Amino acid sequence: MVFDLQVLGKQIVLELASLIEQSVIVTDKNGIVIASKDSSRLNTYHEGAFISMENRKELHITKDMCEELQGVRQGIVLPIVISDTPIGVIGITGKPLEIEKYAKLVRKVSELFVTEFIMREQRERVFREIEFFVFDLLMTEASIDSIDKRATLLDIDPSLYTRVAVIQTYKQFDITFIENLLHIQTIHPKLKIVRWGMEKLVLLIPTIPKEQLLVGLESLSVKILKITKQKVNIGVGEINTFHQLPKSFLQAEMAVDVSERQEKIIFEEDLKLELLYYSIPKEIQDEFLSRTIAPLLAEEELLHNLEVWLHKKDSLHEIAEELHIHKNTLKYRLNKIEMMLGIDLNDKKDLTMIYTAICMLSKK
C-alpha cells in the first residue's frame, strides 16, 4: 500500500499534544522527521526511527543510545502499521520507563488517524466517480453498454432509477455534507445525490409513489434549511427509463426555475402554461413583450397593480385594500393601463394576451 504520511503527520502531532504533555514527532519510512512542534527537527534524520521501521518493532531510546544514534532524543519510537504495512514512525520524547504507558495510546491514535483518513479518501474517490458517472449519463452520448458497465462497477442498479430532481442550493457543498444528506434523507435508501456545478444538487430517484417523493423532498428541504439557514428550490422531472433520464433532467432544470418563482416543489408534469413559455425562444418572447406590455415596464406601480388584479379572484374593493389604495384609485389605474396599452381588459382576447405577457415576464 502506497501512502504519503506527510499529509497527516502534522494533524497527528497536534492531536497527541492535546492528550499528553510529551513532545511527539512523526517520521517517514526513511527516518526523516516530517512533523514536530519543534521546527528545528523538521527534515532531519532520526536513526532510531529508521531502525524501528526496518525491524517493525518498538524501540526504547536510552540516554546512552542518544550518543550512538544520529538525530535522536530519549524516548520511544514505534512503527505506524496499517493493514500489516509499516508506513512511518511515531516518536515520543522522554524517559522510556516514564512514557512507556503512553506508547500504546500514541500508536493507536496515530493508526486511527491514518485509517480514518484512508477510508475518507476512498469514500470521496467513489463519490467523485459517481459524480462523473451521473454527469456522463445525463450530459453525454455514452453508449448504453458502457453506462451499464460503469453502473455495475459502482454498484448502481439501472432498473431502480426513473426520475431526476434538481435542487438549487445557492451555495457549494462539500462531500461530507452530501454524505450527511444521504444519511438523513427519507426518500429512498438507494437515492443518489451528486453536486452539479457550484450551486446545484442532482438526485437520481428510484421508483416510488409521487406523494411519497413529495413528502421526502419537503423533509429534505426543511433539513437543508435547518443546516444552512437558507431555503432551496426543487424541480422534479417526469418518470422515465434509466437511459432516458437525460430528458427527466432537462425537465427538472425547467421545473426548478419555476420553483424559484412559486416557492414550492415543482413536478414538471404539473406545468401547463410554464411549459409553453419555456418552449418559446428568448428572442420571440422579447418581441412578444415589446408588442404587448412594453409601455408598462417603466411604470412599476401600474405593472404591480395589474399583476395583482390579474392573479386575484377577489372584488375590486378587496384587491384595492390589499394594495392599500382606494377602490376608485384602482379603477383609475386599470383604465390608464388600458389606454397605455390600447386594450380592453373586459375583452377575453386582450385579457388572455396581457395575462400571457405578465406570466412570461415573471419567468424572466
Protein backbone atom coordinates (compact mmCIF):
# COMPACT_ATOMS: atom_id res chain seq x y z
CA MET A 1 0.00 0.00 0.00
CA VAL A 2 1.37 3.40 -1.00
CA PHE A 3 0.61 6.15 1.47
CA ASP A 4 2.04 9.62 1.99
CA LEU A 5 2.13 10.25 5.73
CA GLN A 6 3.19 13.86 5.13
CA VAL A 7 -0.46 14.84 4.75
CA LEU A 8 -1.46 13.66 8.22
CA GLY A 9 1.76 13.96 10.23
CA LYS A 10 1.05 17.49 11.48
CA GLN A 11 -2.52 16.61 12.50
CA ILE A 12 -1.30 13.57 14.42
CA VAL A 13 1.27 15.66 16.32
CA LEU A 14 -1.32 18.32 17.19
CA GLU A 15 -3.89 15.75 18.32
CA LEU A 16 -1.40 13.92 20.54
CA ALA A 17 -0.19 17.22 22.00
CA SER A 18 -3.71 17.69 23.39
CA LEU A 19 -3.63 14.24 25.00
CA ILE A 20 -0.12 14.02 26.51
CA GLU A 21 2.48 16.52 27.70
CA GLN A 22 5.44 14.85 25.99
CA SER A 23 6.75 16.02 22.62
CA VAL A 24 5.82 13.90 19.62
CA ILE A 25 7.40 13.52 16.20
CA VAL A 26 6.37 11.67 13.04
CA THR A 27 8.92 10.37 10.53
CA ASP A 28 8.53 8.86 7.10
CA LYS A 29 9.71 5.35 6.18
CA ASN A 30 13.28 6.61 5.75
CA GLY A 31 13.51 8.12 9.21
CA ILE A 32 13.14 11.75 8.09
CA VAL A 33 11.13 13.88 10.54
CA ILE A 34 8.04 15.19 8.71
CA ALA A 35 6.06 16.55 11.68
CA SER A 36 7.07 18.06 15.01
CA LYS A 37 6.12 21.03 17.19
CA ASP A 38 9.86 21.76 17.31
CA SER A 39 10.51 23.21 13.83
CA SER A 40 14.28 22.65 14.22
CA ARG A 41 13.69 18.89 13.96
CA LEU A 42 11.79 19.00 10.67
CA ASN A 43 13.53 17.32 7.74
CA THR A 44 16.27 15.92 9.99
CA TYR A 45 17.31 12.27 10.06
CA HIS A 46 16.16 10.16 13.02
CA GLU A 47 18.23 6.99 13.07
CA GLY A 48 16.14 5.40 15.83
CA ALA A 49 13.00 5.78 13.72
CA PHE A 50 14.77 4.18 10.77
CA ILE A 51 15.78 1.17 12.90
CA SER A 52 12.25 0.85 14.29
CA MET A 53 10.88 0.97 10.75
CA GLU A 54 13.26 -1.66 9.46
CA ASN A 55 12.63 -4.06 12.34
CA ARG A 56 8.92 -3.20 12.58
CA LYS A 57 9.35 -3.04 16.36
CA GLU A 58 9.00 -0.55 19.17
CA LEU A 59 12.41 0.88 20.15
CA HIS A 60 13.27 2.39 23.54
CA ILE A 61 15.97 5.04 23.12
CA THR A 62 18.06 5.40 26.27
CA LYS A 63 20.40 8.23 27.25
CA ASP A 64 23.39 6.14 26.13
CA MET A 65 21.81 5.45 22.74
CA CYS A 66 21.45 9.20 22.16
CA GLU A 67 25.23 9.35 21.87
CA GLU A 68 25.35 6.46 19.40
CA LEU A 69 22.41 7.19 17.08
CA GLN A 70 22.03 10.21 14.84
CA GLY A 71 19.30 12.79 15.48
CA VAL A 72 17.64 11.05 18.42
CA ARG A 73 16.49 12.05 21.87
CA GLN A 74 15.49 9.92 24.84
CA GLY A 75 12.11 8.35 24.26
CA ILE A 76 10.24 5.64 22.42
CA VAL A 77 9.68 5.21 18.69
CA LEU A 78 7.02 2.92 17.26
CA PRO A 79 6.21 1.95 13.68
CA ILE A 80 2.77 3.02 12.41
CA VAL A 81 1.33 -0.12 10.82
CA ILE A 82 -1.73 -0.03 8.54
CA SER A 83 -3.07 -3.27 7.01
CA ASP A 84 0.10 -5.05 8.12
CA THR A 85 2.25 -2.47 6.30
CA PRO A 86 4.53 -0.01 8.17
CA ILE A 87 4.07 3.46 6.70
CA GLY A 88 6.12 5.60 9.10
CA VAL A 89 7.17 6.02 12.72
CA ILE A 90 5.74 7.91 15.68
CA GLY A 91 8.15 9.08 18.40
CA ILE A 92 7.59 10.27 21.99
CA THR A 93 10.28 12.23 23.80
CA GLY A 94 11.02 11.44 27.48
CA LYS A 95 12.49 8.78 29.73
CA PRO A 96 11.39 5.43 28.25
CA LEU A 97 10.27 3.95 31.58
CA GLU A 98 8.13 7.01 32.33
CA ILE A 99 6.49 7.33 28.95
CA GLU A 100 6.07 3.64 28.22
CA LYS A 101 2.47 3.83 29.46
CA TYR A 102 1.71 6.26 26.62
CA ALA A 103 3.19 4.10 23.87
CA LYS A 104 0.06 2.09 23.01
CA LEU A 105 -2.15 5.19 23.19
CA VAL A 106 0.15 7.09 20.86
CA ARG A 107 0.32 4.25 18.37
CA LYS A 108 -3.46 3.72 18.49
CA VAL A 109 -4.29 7.39 17.93
CA SER A 110 -1.84 7.57 15.03
CA GLU A 111 -3.18 4.47 13.34
CA LEU A 112 -6.80 5.58 13.86
CA PHE A 113 -5.97 8.91 12.24
CA VAL A 114 -4.40 7.25 9.23
CA THR A 115 -7.11 4.60 8.88
CA GLU A 116 -9.87 7.20 9.06
CA PHE A 117 -8.06 9.34 6.50
CA ILE A 118 -7.68 6.41 4.10
CA MET A 119 -11.35 5.47 4.48
CA ARG A 120 -12.40 9.06 3.87
CA GLU A 121 -10.19 9.23 0.78
CA GLN A 122 -11.75 6.02 -0.52
CA ARG A 123 -15.29 7.27 0.12
CA GLU A 124 -14.54 10.56 -1.62
CA ARG A 125 -12.99 8.74 -4.58
CA VAL A 126 -16.13 6.62 -5.01
CA PHE A 127 -18.32 9.68 -4.57
CA ARG A 128 -16.43 11.56 -7.28
CA GLU A 129 -16.66 8.55 -9.57
CA ILE A 130 -20.44 8.55 -9.09
CA GLU A 131 -20.50 12.29 -9.86
CA PHE A 132 -18.61 11.73 -13.13
CA PHE A 133 -20.90 8.81 -13.94
CA VAL A 134 -24.07 10.85 -13.40
CA PHE A 135 -22.67 13.71 -15.49
CA ASP A 136 -21.89 11.33 -18.37
CA LEU A 137 -25.29 9.68 -18.02
CA LEU A 138 -27.17 12.98 -18.22
CA MET A 139 -24.96 15.07 -20.48
CA THR A 140 -23.06 12.85 -22.91
CA GLU A 141 -23.98 10.31 -25.56
CA ALA A 142 -22.12 7.43 -23.96
CA SER A 143 -23.23 4.02 -25.17
CA ILE A 144 -25.79 2.06 -23.19
CA ASP A 145 -23.28 -0.76 -22.80
CA SER A 146 -20.56 1.50 -21.31
CA ILE A 147 -23.07 3.16 -18.98
CA ASP A 148 -24.33 -0.21 -17.75
CA LYS A 149 -20.79 -1.48 -17.15
CA ARG A 150 -19.86 1.61 -15.13
CA ALA A 151 -23.11 1.35 -13.18
CA THR A 152 -22.26 -2.23 -12.24
CA LEU A 153 -18.77 -1.23 -11.08
CA LEU A 154 -20.31 1.49 -8.90
CA ASP A 155 -22.96 -0.88 -7.52
CA ILE A 156 -25.77 1.10 -9.17
CA ASP A 157 -28.82 -0.83 -10.37
CA PRO A 158 -30.11 0.96 -13.52
CA SER A 159 -33.54 -0.65 -13.16
CA LEU A 160 -34.17 1.29 -9.94
CA TYR A 161 -33.87 4.88 -11.15
CA THR A 162 -36.69 6.56 -13.07
CA ARG A 163 -36.63 10.25 -12.10
CA VAL A 164 -34.24 13.14 -11.76
CA ALA A 165 -34.67 16.06 -9.37
CA VAL A 166 -32.63 19.26 -9.26
CA ILE A 167 -32.10 21.26 -6.07
CA GLN A 168 -30.98 24.89 -6.42
CA THR A 169 -28.82 25.43 -3.32
CA TYR A 170 -27.27 28.90 -3.94
CA LYS A 171 -24.04 27.63 -2.37
CA GLN A 172 -21.47 24.89 -2.84
CA PHE A 173 -21.41 21.86 -0.56
CA ASP A 174 -18.53 19.52 0.20
CA ILE A 175 -18.70 15.75 0.01
CA THR A 176 -19.14 15.37 3.78
CA PHE A 177 -22.30 17.49 3.62
CA ILE A 178 -23.72 15.34 0.81
CA GLU A 179 -22.93 12.18 2.78
CA ASN A 180 -24.83 13.68 5.72
CA LEU A 181 -27.83 14.44 3.48
CA LEU A 182 -27.86 10.85 2.26
CA HIS A 183 -27.92 9.64 5.87
CA ILE A 184 -30.81 11.88 6.94
CA GLN A 185 -32.98 11.75 3.80
CA THR A 186 -36.18 9.67 3.93
CA ILE A 187 -36.89 9.40 0.19
CA HIS A 188 -35.30 6.01 -0.53
CA PRO A 189 -32.29 4.05 0.77
CA LYS A 190 -30.83 3.88 -2.77
CA LEU A 191 -31.22 7.60 -3.53
CA LYS A 192 -28.18 9.16 -5.22
CA ILE A 193 -27.23 12.81 -4.60
CA VAL A 194 -24.40 14.45 -6.52
CA ARG A 195 -23.10 18.01 -6.82
CA TRP A 196 -23.88 19.78 -10.07
CA GLY A 197 -21.81 22.87 -10.73
CA MET A 198 -21.31 25.33 -7.91
CA GLU A 199 -24.87 25.75 -6.62
CA LYS A 200 -26.99 22.73 -7.54
CA LEU A 201 -27.56 19.16 -6.48
CA VAL A 202 -28.88 16.43 -8.77
CA LEU A 203 -30.86 13.50 -7.37
CA LEU A 204 -31.29 10.13 -9.10
CA ILE A 205 -34.56 8.87 -7.65
CA PRO A 206 -35.72 5.24 -7.52
CA THR A 207 -39.31 4.42 -8.43
CA ILE A 208 -41.60 5.49 -5.58
CA PRO A 209 -45.12 7.00 -5.48
CA LYS A 210 -45.25 10.70 -6.29
CA GLU A 211 -46.87 11.54 -2.95
CA GLN A 212 -44.09 9.75 -1.06
CA LEU A 213 -41.47 11.57 -3.13
CA LEU A 214 -43.07 14.94 -2.41
CA VAL A 215 -43.09 14.27 1.34
CA GLY A 216 -39.46 13.12 1.22
CA LEU A 217 -38.33 16.17 -0.77
CA GLU A 218 -40.18 18.53 1.57
CA SER A 219 -38.48 16.86 4.54
CA LEU A 220 -35.07 17.12 2.84
CA SER A 221 -35.70 20.80 2.05
CA VAL A 222 -36.51 21.52 5.70
CA LYS A 223 -33.37 19.71 6.85
CA ILE A 224 -31.17 21.66 4.43
CA LEU A 225 -32.80 24.88 5.67
CA LYS A 226 -32.05 23.98 9.30
CA ILE A 227 -28.41 23.23 8.49
CA THR A 228 -27.67 26.10 6.09
CA LYS A 229 -30.29 28.68 7.20
CA GLN A 230 -31.16 29.05 3.52
CA LYS A 231 -34.20 27.87 1.55
CA VAL A 232 -33.71 25.78 -1.57
CA ASN A 233 -35.78 25.34 -4.73
CA ILE A 234 -36.59 21.89 -6.08
CA GLY A 235 -37.71 20.78 -9.52
CA VAL A 236 -38.57 17.21 -10.48
CA GLY A 237 -38.58 15.63 -13.95
CA GLU A 238 -41.05 13.08 -15.24
CA ILE A 239 -40.69 9.32 -14.81
CA ASN A 240 -38.55 7.75 -17.50
CA THR A 241 -36.33 4.75 -18.11
CA PHE A 242 -32.77 4.88 -16.80
CA HIS A 243 -31.20 5.57 -20.19
CA GLN A 244 -33.77 8.31 -20.87
CA LEU A 245 -33.05 10.14 -17.62
CA PRO A 246 -31.36 12.99 -19.56
CA LYS A 247 -34.90 14.01 -20.59
CA SER A 248 -36.05 13.89 -16.96
CA PHE A 249 -33.03 16.03 -16.04
CA LEU A 250 -33.90 18.74 -18.58
CA GLN A 251 -37.46 18.74 -17.26
CA ALA A 252 -36.18 19.07 -13.69
CA GLU A 253 -34.00 22.02 -14.74
CA MET A 254 -37.09 23.72 -16.15
CA ALA A 255 -39.14 22.89 -13.07
CA VAL A 256 -36.54 24.23 -10.61
CA ASP A 257 -36.72 27.65 -12.31
CA VAL A 258 -40.48 27.66 -11.80
CA SER A 259 -39.94 26.51 -8.21
CA GLU A 260 -37.82 29.60 -7.56
CA ARG A 261 -40.73 31.87 -8.55
CA GLN A 262 -43.53 29.90 -6.94
CA GLU A 263 -41.54 28.97 -3.81
CA LYS A 264 -42.66 25.34 -3.75
CA ILE A 265 -41.53 21.98 -5.12
CA ILE A 266 -42.47 21.71 -8.79
CA PHE A 267 -43.07 18.49 -10.72
CA GLU A 268 -42.56 19.10 -14.43
CA GLU A 269 -45.63 17.04 -15.35
CA ASP A 270 -47.75 19.57 -13.44
CA LEU A 271 -46.58 22.51 -15.57
CA LYS A 272 -49.02 23.90 -18.09
CA LEU A 273 -48.56 27.48 -19.28
CA GLU A 274 -44.99 27.45 -17.97
CA LEU A 275 -44.26 24.54 -20.30
CA LEU A 276 -45.39 26.65 -23.24
CA TYR A 277 -43.29 29.63 -22.15
CA TYR A 278 -40.13 27.54 -21.88
CA SER A 279 -40.59 26.20 -25.41
CA ILE A 280 -40.62 29.73 -26.90
CA PRO A 281 -37.18 31.07 -27.95
CA LYS A 282 -35.98 34.08 -25.95
CA GLU A 283 -35.98 36.43 -28.95
CA ILE A 284 -39.63 35.58 -29.66
CA GLN A 285 -40.55 36.17 -26.01
CA ASP A 286 -38.80 39.55 -26.05
CA GLU A 287 -40.62 40.56 -29.23
CA PHE A 288 -43.99 39.48 -27.79
CA LEU A 289 -43.40 41.54 -24.63
CA SER A 290 -42.38 44.58 -26.69
CA ARG A 291 -45.65 44.34 -28.62
CA THR A 292 -47.86 43.91 -25.55
CA ILE A 293 -46.78 45.40 -22.21
CA ALA A 294 -43.60 47.31 -23.11
CA PRO A 295 -45.11 50.72 -22.14
CA LEU A 296 -45.71 49.40 -18.61
CA LEU A 297 -42.16 48.21 -17.97
CA ALA A 298 -41.12 51.68 -16.78
CA GLU A 299 -44.26 52.02 -14.62
CA GLU A 300 -43.55 49.70 -11.69
CA GLU A 301 -46.61 50.72 -9.68
CA LEU A 302 -49.03 50.24 -12.57
CA LEU A 303 -47.38 46.93 -13.52
CA HIS A 304 -47.65 45.65 -9.94
CA ASN A 305 -51.31 46.70 -9.70
CA LEU A 306 -52.05 44.87 -12.95
CA GLU A 307 -50.29 41.70 -11.77
CA VAL A 308 -52.24 41.65 -8.51
CA TRP A 309 -55.52 42.28 -10.33
CA LEU A 310 -54.84 39.51 -12.84
CA HIS A 311 -53.90 36.91 -10.24
CA LYS A 312 -56.63 37.66 -7.68
CA LYS A 313 -60.21 36.44 -7.84
CA ASP A 314 -61.36 38.96 -5.24
CA SER A 315 -63.56 42.00 -5.80
CA LEU A 316 -62.09 45.37 -6.77
CA HIS A 317 -62.68 46.55 -3.22
CA GLU A 318 -60.70 43.62 -1.72
CA ILE A 319 -57.88 43.97 -4.23
CA ALA A 320 -57.67 47.71 -3.53
CA GLU A 321 -57.44 47.00 0.19
CA GLU A 322 -54.58 44.57 -0.40
CA LEU A 323 -52.80 47.25 -2.46
CA HIS A 324 -53.54 49.82 0.28
CA ILE A 325 -55.31 52.13 -2.17
CA HIS A 326 -58.89 53.30 -2.67
CA LYS A 327 -61.16 51.30 -4.96
CA ASN A 328 -61.56 54.32 -7.26
CA THR A 329 -57.77 54.67 -7.47
CA LEU A 330 -57.52 51.07 -8.63
CA LYS A 331 -60.22 51.63 -11.25
CA TYR A 332 -58.39 54.76 -12.45
CA ARG A 333 -55.10 52.86 -12.76
CA LEU A 334 -56.67 49.98 -14.64
CA ASN A 335 -58.26 52.46 -17.07
CA LYS A 336 -54.89 54.14 -17.50
CA ILE A 337 -53.32 50.75 -18.29
CA GLU A 338 -55.98 50.12 -20.94
CA MET A 339 -55.22 53.48 -22.56
CA MET A 340 -51.44 52.99 -22.47
CA LEU A 341 -51.65 49.51 -23.99
CA GLY A 342 -54.63 50.09 -26.29
CA ILE A 343 -56.57 47.17 -24.87
CA ASP A 344 -59.88 46.37 -23.20
CA LEU A 345 -59.47 44.29 -20.04
CA ASN A 346 -63.07 43.13 -20.42
CA ASP A 347 -62.22 41.63 -23.82
CA LYS A 348 -61.26 37.96 -23.38
CA LYS A 349 -58.74 38.07 -26.21
CA ASP A 350 -56.98 41.15 -24.81
CA LEU A 351 -57.12 39.73 -21.29
CA THR A 352 -55.56 36.44 -22.40
CA MET A 353 -52.83 38.30 -24.26
CA ILE A 354 -51.95 40.53 -21.28
CA TYR A 355 -52.11 37.64 -18.81
CA THR A 356 -49.72 35.64 -21.03
CA ALA A 357 -47.35 38.61 -21.24
CA ILE A 358 -47.35 39.12 -17.45
CA CYS A 359 -46.66 35.41 -16.85
CA MET A 360 -43.90 35.40 -19.44
CA LEU A 361 -42.36 38.50 -17.87
CA SER A 362 -42.35 36.90 -14.42
CA LYS A 363 -40.49 33.90 -15.87
CA LYS A 364 -37.55 36.05 -16.95
